[in-house]
Structure formats: structure tokens, C-alpha cells
C-alpha atoms as a PDB file:
ATOM      1  CA  MET A   1      -0.055   0.225  -0.091  1.00  0.00           C
ATOM      2  CA  ASP A   2       1.613   3.362  -1.392  1.00  0.00           C
ATOM      3  CA  LEU A   3       2.171   5.763   1.467  1.00  0.00           C
ATOM      4  CA  LEU A   4       1.936   8.948  -0.471  1.00  0.00           C
ATOM      5  CA  PRO A   5      -2.034   8.502  -1.652  1.00  0.00           C
ATOM      6  CA  LEU A   6      -2.907   7.122   1.870  1.00  0.00           C
ATOM      7  CA  VAL A   7      -1.438  10.402   3.496  1.00  0.00           C
ATOM      8  CA  LEU A   8      -3.280  12.442   0.776  1.00  0.00           C
ATOM      9  CA  ASP A   9      -6.774  10.512   1.335  1.00  0.00           C
ATOM     10  CA  LEU A  10      -6.291  11.158   4.925  1.00  0.00           C
ATOM     11  CA  GLY A  11      -5.421  14.811   4.640  1.00  0.00           C
ATOM     12  CA  ILE A  12      -8.010  15.623   2.206  1.00  0.00           C
ATOM     13  CA  LEU A  13     -10.963  13.570   4.783  1.00  0.00           C
ATOM     14  CA  ALA A  14      -9.570  15.569   7.817  1.00  0.00           C
ATOM     15  CA  VAL A  15      -9.900  18.700   6.002  1.00  0.00           C
ATOM     16  CA  ALA A  16     -13.561  17.615   4.296  1.00  0.00           C
ATOM     17  CA  VAL A  17     -14.931  16.860   7.981  1.00  0.00           C
ATOM     18  CA  VAL A  18     -13.475  19.622   9.820  1.00  0.00           C
ATOM     19  CA  LEU A  19     -14.989  22.092   7.530  1.00  0.00           C
ATOM     20  CA  HIS A  20     -18.358  19.983   7.768  1.00  0.00           C
ATOM     21  CA  GLU A  21     -18.383  20.740  11.290  1.00  0.00           C
ATOM     22  CA  VAL A  22     -17.603  24.210  11.117  1.00  0.00           C
ATOM     23  CA  GLY A  23     -20.148  24.299   8.446  1.00  0.00           C
ATOM     24  CA  HIS A  24     -22.620  23.533  11.345  1.00  0.00           C
ATOM     25  CA  GLY A  25     -21.442  25.527  13.693  1.00  0.00           C
ATOM     26  CA  VAL A  26     -21.151  28.657  11.854  1.00  0.00           C
ATOM     27  CA  VAL A  27     -24.751  28.594  10.534  1.00  0.00           C
ATOM     28  CA  ALA A  28     -25.896  27.634  14.182  1.00  0.00           C
ATOM     29  CA  TYR A  29     -24.196  30.875  14.955  1.00  0.00           C
ATOM     30  CA  ARG A  30     -25.993  32.924  12.494  1.00  0.00           C
ATOM     31  CA  CYS A  31     -29.564  31.411  13.924  1.00  0.00           C
ATOM     32  CA  GLY A  32     -28.790  32.610  17.530  1.00  0.00           C
ATOM     33  CA  ASP A  33     -27.026  29.827  19.216  1.00  0.00           C
ATOM     34  CA  PRO A  34     -23.544  30.535  19.849  1.00  0.00           C
ATOM     35  CA  THR A  35     -22.718  27.328  21.631  1.00  0.00           C
ATOM     36  CA  ALA A  36     -19.955  26.346  19.471  1.00  0.00           C
ATOM     37  CA  ALA A  37     -18.247  29.476  19.247  1.00  0.00           C
ATOM     38  CA  GLU A  38     -18.583  29.392  23.271  1.00  0.00           C
ATOM     39  CA  GLN A  39     -16.830  26.141  23.436  1.00  0.00           C
ATOM     40  CA  GLY A  40     -14.130  26.960  21.035  1.00  0.00           C
ATOM     41  CA  ARG A  41     -15.493  24.595  17.971  1.00  0.00           C
ATOM     42  CA  LEU A  42     -15.454  27.419  15.676  1.00  0.00           C
ATOM     43  CA  THR A  43     -12.052  26.811  14.796  1.00  0.00           C
ATOM     44  CA  LEU A  44      -9.875  24.938  11.662  1.00  0.00           C
ATOM     45  CA  ASN A  45      -8.126  23.465  14.445  1.00  0.00           C
ATOM     46  CA  PRO A  46      -8.448  19.862  13.490  1.00  0.00           C
ATOM     47  CA  LEU A  47      -7.328  18.759  17.097  1.00  0.00           C
ATOM     48  CA  ARG A  48     -10.489  20.386  18.534  1.00  0.00           C
ATOM     49  CA  HIS A  49     -12.695  18.336  16.407  1.00  0.00           C
ATOM     50  CA  VAL A  50     -10.911  14.796  17.132  1.00  0.00           C
ATOM     51  CA  ASP A  51     -13.690  12.222  17.428  1.00  0.00           C
ATOM     52  CA  PRO A  52     -12.068   8.833  18.947  1.00  0.00           C
ATOM     53  CA  VAL A  53     -14.529   6.928  17.067  1.00  0.00           C
ATOM     54  CA  GLY A  54     -15.294   8.479  13.687  1.00  0.00           C
ATOM     55  CA  THR A  55     -11.702  10.183  13.673  1.00  0.00           C
ATOM     56  CA  LEU A  56      -9.488   7.446  14.919  1.00  0.00           C
ATOM     57  CA  LEU A  57     -11.087   4.065  15.085  1.00  0.00           C
ATOM     58  CA  VAL A  58     -12.899   3.871  12.085  1.00  0.00           C
ATOM     59  CA  PRO A  59     -10.424   4.835   9.482  1.00  0.00           C
ATOM     60  CA  GLY A  60      -8.015   2.568  11.617  1.00  0.00           C
ATOM     61  CA  LEU A  61      -9.793  -0.190  10.971  1.00  0.00           C
ATOM     62  CA  LEU A  62     -10.579   0.664   7.224  1.00  0.00           C
ATOM     63  CA  LEU A  63      -6.549   0.925   7.150  1.00  0.00           C
ATOM     64  CA  VAL A  64      -5.441  -2.396   8.780  1.00  0.00           C
ATOM     65  CA  SER A  65      -8.150  -4.339   6.635  1.00  0.00           C
ATOM     66  CA  ALA A  66      -6.811  -2.641   3.422  1.00  0.00           C
ATOM     67  CA  TRP A  67      -3.472  -3.462   4.850  1.00  0.00           C
ATOM     68  CA  ALA A  68      -4.141  -7.220   5.458  1.00  0.00           C
ATOM     69  CA  VAL A  69      -5.896  -7.729   2.277  1.00  0.00           C
ATOM     70  CA  GLY A  70      -3.220  -6.083   0.166  1.00  0.00           C
ATOM     71  CA  GLY A  71      -5.511  -3.223  -1.192  1.00  0.00           C
ATOM     72  CA  ARG A  72      -6.251   0.546  -0.981  1.00  0.00           C
ATOM     73  CA  PRO A  73      -8.451   1.661   1.638  1.00  0.00           C
ATOM     74  CA  MET A  74     -11.714   2.903   1.358  1.00  0.00           C
ATOM     75  CA  LEU A  75     -11.400   5.760   3.614  1.00  0.00           C
ATOM     76  CA  PHE A  76     -14.512   6.994   6.042  1.00  0.00           C
ATOM     77  CA  GLY A  77     -14.889   8.946   9.002  1.00  0.00           C
ATOM     78  CA  TRP A  78     -16.356  11.834  11.151  1.00  0.00           C
ATOM     79  CA  ALA A  79     -15.380  14.357  13.167  1.00  0.00           C
ATOM     80  CA  LYS A  80     -16.881  15.094  16.698  1.00  0.00           C
ATOM     81  CA  PRO A  81     -20.186  16.941  16.137  1.00  0.00           C
ATOM     82  CA  VAL A  82     -20.581  20.454  17.076  1.00  0.00           C
ATOM     83  CA  PRO A  83     -22.398  21.675  20.133  1.00  0.00           C
ATOM     84  CA  ILE A  84     -25.989  22.507  19.113  1.00  0.00           C
ATOM     85  CA  ASP A  85     -28.490  23.909  21.490  1.00  0.00           C
ATOM     86  CA  PRO A  86     -31.851  24.279  19.442  1.00  0.00           C
ATOM     87  CA  ARG A  87     -33.729  26.361  22.310  1.00  0.00           C
ATOM     88  CA  ARG A  88     -30.982  29.500  21.743  1.00  0.00           C
ATOM     89  CA  MET A  89     -32.114  29.657  18.314  1.00  0.00           C
ATOM     90  CA  HIS A  90     -34.375  32.067  16.688  1.00  0.00           C
ATOM     91  CA  ARG A  91     -36.977  29.489  15.251  1.00  0.00           C
ATOM     92  CA  PRO A  92     -35.863  25.998  16.488  1.00  0.00           C
ATOM     93  CA  ARG A  93     -37.251  23.409  13.811  1.00  0.00           C
ATOM     94  CA  ARG A  94     -36.511  25.868  10.919  1.00  0.00           C
ATOM     95  CA  ASP A  95     -33.016  26.773  12.319  1.00  0.00           C
ATOM     96  CA  MET A  96     -32.347  23.115  13.086  1.00  0.00           C
ATOM     97  CA  ALA A  97     -32.698  21.965   9.445  1.00  0.00           C
ATOM     98  CA  LEU A  98     -30.537  24.761   8.042  1.00  0.00           C
ATOM     99  CA  VAL A  99     -27.928  23.713  10.464  1.00  0.00           C
ATOM    100  CA  ALA A 100     -27.997  20.414   9.370  1.00  0.00           C
ATOM    101  CA  LEU A 101     -28.306  21.278   5.706  1.00  0.00           C
ATOM    102  CA  ALA A 102     -25.002  23.231   6.315  1.00  0.00           C
ATOM    103  CA  GLY A 103     -22.717  20.266   6.454  1.00  0.00           C
ATOM    104  CA  PRO A 104     -23.248  18.730   3.174  1.00  0.00           C
ATOM    105  CA  ALA A 105     -23.438  22.073   1.449  1.00  0.00           C
ATOM    106  CA  VAL A 106     -20.140  22.574   2.934  1.00  0.00           C
ATOM    107  CA  ASN A 107     -18.785  19.140   1.249  1.00  0.00           C
ATOM    108  CA  PHE A 108     -20.761  20.141  -2.238  1.00  0.00           C
ATOM    109  CA  LEU A 109     -19.192  23.569  -2.267  1.00  0.00           C
ATOM    110  CA  LEU A 110     -15.551  21.771  -1.756  1.00  0.00           C
ATOM    111  CA  ALA A 111     -16.465  19.595  -4.469  1.00  0.00           C
ATOM    112  CA  GLY A 112     -16.834  22.260  -6.550  1.00  0.00           C
ATOM    113  CA  LEU A 113     -13.954  23.850  -5.819  1.00  0.00           C
ATOM    114  CA  ALA A 114     -11.840  20.909  -6.388  1.00  0.00           C
ATOM    115  CA  ALA A 115     -13.632  20.598 -10.133  1.00  0.00           C
ATOM    116  CA  LEU A 116     -12.230  23.861 -10.793  1.00  0.00           C
ATOM    117  CA  GLY A 117      -8.792  22.651  -9.527  1.00  0.00           C
ATOM    118  CA  MET A 118      -9.391  19.692 -11.466  1.00  0.00           C
ATOM    119  CA  ARG A 119      -9.723  21.994 -14.585  1.00  0.00           C
ATOM    120  CA  ALA A 120      -6.622  23.867 -13.730  1.00  0.00           C
ATOM    121  CA  GLY A 121      -4.472  20.455 -13.584  1.00  0.00           C
ATOM    122  CA  LEU A 122      -6.169  19.587 -16.832  1.00  0.00           C
ATOM    123  CA  GLU A 123      -4.496  22.183 -18.322  1.00  0.00           C
ATOM    124  CA  MET A 124      -1.038  21.816 -17.123  1.00  0.00           C
ATOM    125  CA  ASP A 125       1.616  19.435 -18.199  1.00  0.00           C
ATOM    126  CA  GLY A 126       4.016  17.241 -16.318  1.00  0.00           C
ATOM    127  CA  LEU A 127       4.391  15.865 -12.641  1.00  0.00           C
ATOM    128  CA  ALA A 128       2.653  19.307 -11.505  1.00  0.00           C
ATOM    129  CA  GLY A 129      -0.583  18.709 -13.376  1.00  0.00           C
ATOM    130  CA  ALA A 130      -0.616  15.156 -12.460  1.00  0.00           C
ATOM    131  CA  LEU A 131      -0.756  15.890  -8.677  1.00  0.00           C
ATOM    132  CA  VAL A 132      -3.167  18.842  -8.915  1.00  0.00           C
ATOM    133  CA  ARG A 133      -5.347  16.390 -10.893  1.00  0.00           C
ATOM    134  CA  ILE A 134      -5.138  13.471  -8.598  1.00  0.00           C
ATOM    135  CA  THR A 135      -5.562  15.670  -5.453  1.00  0.00           C
ATOM    136  CA  ALA A 136      -8.864  17.223  -7.095  1.00  0.00           C
ATOM    137  CA  GLY A 137     -10.347  14.180  -8.073  1.00  0.00           C
ATOM    138  CA  THR A 138      -9.723  12.978  -4.601  1.00  0.00           C
ATOM    139  CA  ALA A 139     -11.311  15.723  -3.102  1.00  0.00           C
ATOM    140  CA  ILE A 140     -14.245  15.579  -5.117  1.00  0.00           C
ATOM    141  CA  GLY A 141     -14.556  11.808  -4.400  1.00  0.00           C
ATOM    142  CA  ILE A 142     -14.443  11.971  -0.995  1.00  0.00           C
ATOM    143  CA  ASN A 143     -16.722  15.497  -0.799  1.00  0.00           C
ATOM    144  CA  VAL A 144     -19.104  13.978  -2.755  1.00  0.00           C
ATOM    145  CA  VAL A 145     -19.636  10.820  -0.723  1.00  0.00           C
ATOM    146  CA  LEU A 146     -19.611  12.484   2.570  1.00  0.00           C
ATOM    147  CA  GLY A 147     -22.267  14.773   1.394  1.00  0.00           C
ATOM    148  CA  VAL A 148     -24.531  12.157  -0.297  1.00  0.00           C
ATOM    149  CA  LEU A 149     -24.239   9.900   2.750  1.00  0.00           C
ATOM    150  CA  ASN A 150     -25.092  12.640   5.314  1.00  0.00           C
ATOM    151  CA  LEU A 151     -28.323  13.683   3.453  1.00  0.00           C
ATOM    152  CA  LEU A 152     -29.849   9.640   3.981  1.00  0.00           C
ATOM    153  CA  PRO A 153     -32.949  10.875   6.055  1.00  0.00           C
ATOM    154  CA  ILE A 154     -31.874   8.361   8.667  1.00  0.00           C
ATOM    155  CA  LEU A 155     -30.721  10.022  12.313  1.00  0.00           C
ATOM    156  CA  PRO A 156     -27.919  10.698  13.288  1.00  0.00           C
ATOM    157  CA  LEU A 157     -27.337  11.771   9.986  1.00  0.00           C
ATOM    158  CA  ASP A 158     -28.068  15.172   8.471  1.00  0.00           C
ATOM    159  CA  GLY A 159     -30.965  14.270   6.450  1.00  0.00           C
ATOM    160  CA  GLY A 160     -32.429  12.636   9.604  1.00  0.00           C
ATOM    161  CA  ARG A 161     -31.893  15.840  11.290  1.00  0.00           C
ATOM    162  CA  VAL A 162     -33.900  17.761   8.403  1.00  0.00           C
ATOM    163  CA  LEU A 163     -36.643  15.322   8.042  1.00  0.00           C
ATOM    164  CA  THR A 164     -37.417  15.372  11.910  1.00  0.00           C
ATOM    165  CA  SER A 165     -37.533  19.545  11.214  1.00  0.00           C
ATOM    166  CA  MET A 166     -40.034  18.870   8.803  1.00  0.00           C
ATOM    167  CA  LEU A 167     -42.115  16.256   9.986  1.00  0.00           C
ATOM    168  CA  PRO A 168     -45.086  17.138  12.143  1.00  0.00           C
ATOM    169  CA  LEU A 169     -44.240  17.444  15.812  1.00  0.00           C
ATOM    170  CA  PRO A 170     -45.695  14.448  17.008  1.00  0.00           C
ATOM    171  CA  LEU A 171     -44.009  12.277  14.087  1.00  0.00           C
ATOM    172  CA  ALA A 172     -40.892  14.362  14.502  1.00  0.00           C
ATOM    173  CA  ARG A 173     -40.874  13.297  18.676  1.00  0.00           C
ATOM    174  CA  SER A 174     -41.631   9.462  17.221  1.00  0.00           C
ATOM    175  CA  TYR A 175     -38.846   9.565  14.715  1.00  0.00           C
ATOM    176  CA  ALA A 176     -36.326  10.759  17.150  1.00  0.00           C
ATOM    177  CA  ARG A 177     -36.628   7.922  19.311  1.00  0.00           C
ATOM    178  CA  LEU A 178     -35.255   5.733  16.672  1.00  0.00           C
ATOM    179  CA  GLU A 179     -32.100   7.483  16.582  1.00  0.00           C
ATOM    180  CA  PRO A 180     -30.151   5.026  19.103  1.00  0.00           C
ATOM    181  CA  ILE A 181     -30.564   2.826  16.589  1.00  0.00           C
ATOM    182  CA  GLY A 182     -29.957   5.015  13.285  1.00  0.00           C
ATOM    183  CA  LEU A 183     -26.013   4.722  13.322  1.00  0.00           C
ATOM    184  CA  ILE A 184     -26.689   0.537  12.841  1.00  0.00           C
ATOM    185  CA  ALA A 185     -29.444   1.077  10.059  1.00  0.00           C
ATOM    186  CA  VAL A 186     -26.802   3.232   8.323  1.00  0.00           C
ATOM    187  CA  VAL A 187     -23.993   0.747   8.480  1.00  0.00           C
ATOM    188  CA  LEU A 188     -26.296  -2.239   7.744  1.00  0.00           C
ATOM    189  CA  LEU A 189     -27.559  -0.192   4.537  1.00  0.00           C
ATOM    190  CA  LEU A 190     -24.038   0.645   3.549  1.00  0.00           C
ATOM    191  CA  SER A 191     -22.663  -3.218   4.185  1.00  0.00           C
ATOM    192  CA  GLN A 192     -25.740  -4.965   2.548  1.00  0.00           C
ATOM    193  CA  THR A 193     -26.459  -2.446  -0.278  1.00  0.00           C
ATOM    194  CA  SER A 194     -25.314  -0.468  -2.935  1.00  0.00           C
ATOM    195  CA  ILE A 195     -27.290   2.508  -2.264  1.00  0.00           C
ATOM    196  CA  LEU A 196     -24.766   4.746  -1.264  1.00  0.00           C
ATOM    197  CA  SER A 197     -22.979   3.959  -4.691  1.00  0.00           C
ATOM    198  CA  THR A 198     -26.124   4.347  -6.764  1.00  0.00           C
ATOM    199  CA  LEU A 199     -26.760   7.742  -5.195  1.00  0.00           C
ATOM    200  CA  VAL A 200     -22.981   9.277  -5.479  1.00  0.00           C
ATOM    201  CA  ARG A 201     -22.416   8.200  -8.916  1.00  0.00           C
ATOM    202  CA  PRO A 202     -24.509  10.647 -10.935  1.00  0.00           C
ATOM    203  CA  VAL A 203     -23.432  13.467  -8.477  1.00  0.00           C
ATOM    204  CA  LEU A 204     -19.845  12.533  -8.631  1.00  0.00           C
ATOM    205  CA  ASP A 205     -20.513  12.430 -12.826  1.00  0.00           C
ATOM    206  CA  VAL A 206     -22.019  16.238 -12.388  1.00  0.00           C
ATOM    207  CA  PHE A 207     -19.088  17.436 -10.350  1.00  0.00           C
ATOM    208  CA  LEU A 208     -16.576  15.738 -13.126  1.00  0.00           C
ATOM    209  CA  TYR A 209     -18.637  16.897 -15.809  1.00  0.00           C
ATOM    210  CA  PHE A 210     -17.999  20.476 -14.471  1.00  0.00           C
ATOM    211  CA  ALA A 211     -14.550  20.108 -14.248  1.00  0.00           C
ATOM    212  CA  ALA A 212     -13.929  19.229 -17.816  1.00  0.00           C
ATOM    213  CA  ARG A 213     -16.295  21.885 -19.037  1.00  0.00           C
ATOM    214  CA  ALA A 214     -15.473  24.778 -16.582  1.00  0.00           C
ATOM    215  CA  SER A 215     -13.722  27.712 -18.155  1.00  0.00           C
END
């Protein structure tokens, strides 16, 4: 397993998940909830966003598994969620939906910027051009996967938060009670079906098309 692609993947994943969480915190702040700012989480310092499971354990297990079979790892992970207090928001149900959407929106914005970078790389020759294209392509892939995955309407994913905000209050409360088993449902869904790749492929194609066509 080559070290350079691994370092590149880890670096891009770290940036993607940190900015994802900062995006949540910034929008919460704009909606009247300064909790994340008060706890020092509106920072780009990755150490402030490390989650023992999502940032260390899960990527580590994926790396070990890939090393054991001699393949390239499929990197996946998440940062420690920023603290959010809906009680401090102007309009809690609406604002919680906006906060939830902010994370995937950041990932899609990063994918768009990476598409512009890939376009620049396509116009460059030699090793520099190849490095830019590889880096941009990796950034597009990781951010699209994170954005699409987090929009699945399952708690504790962001899409689940949006759905909860849209449901009538009694249904929202009932759905929120399912959150403890939500992560298990996500793992089973991703491991036993091809739904993520099915959803990611057309979105990825859009960004790659944009990269090829951007002027």
C-alpha cells in the first residue's frame, strides 16, 4: 500500500470532516446559537474536532483491513459533532434544518472548488499537472461521498435532522426516538446494499462534467 496516496486521502478527509462540522457551527451561530463558539469549536484546528471513534477508530480499522488484503483502503470517518442548542435559536425547527444542511453544503462546495482545481490541472503538463488532477479528483470523491451520505434521511445523519424538522411535531418526536438504532441502520444499509454508490455516481458525474467543462 503506497504511503503517498494514503497521506493524501487522510489529509483531504480531515479537511472535509472538519469544515463540515465548522459549517454546522457557523450556521447555528447565525441562527442565534453561539454554543459552538463558546466552546471553541468554530476553529479550523483539527485537534478540536477529533472524535475517538469517527476520526481514529473507524479510519484505522479500514486501513488495517486494506493492509491485510493488500488493497487500497476506502477511507471514511467523521469529526466530533459541534455542540448545538436549539433552545437558543430564533426558530428552532427551521433553524435546525438549516444547520443540518450546512454540513453537506460545505462538502459540495469543496467538491466544486476541487472541480475547478481539476480543470486547472487538465491544462497543466508534467508532474505538477498530474498531482493537481489526482488531488482534485480525490477531493471531489471524498466530499461527494460525505455530502450524499449525510443527506440520507436517517438519524443521526444530517438528512435525518432535516426530516425530523419537517415532520409534524408528534411524528418528529416518535422518529427522534429511533436515533439510538440509526447508526446500526446506516451500517447495515451501507454494508448490505449498493444504495450509496447508486446515489453517489450521478452526483460525482456532475462534478466531473463541471471539471471538464469549466472555463
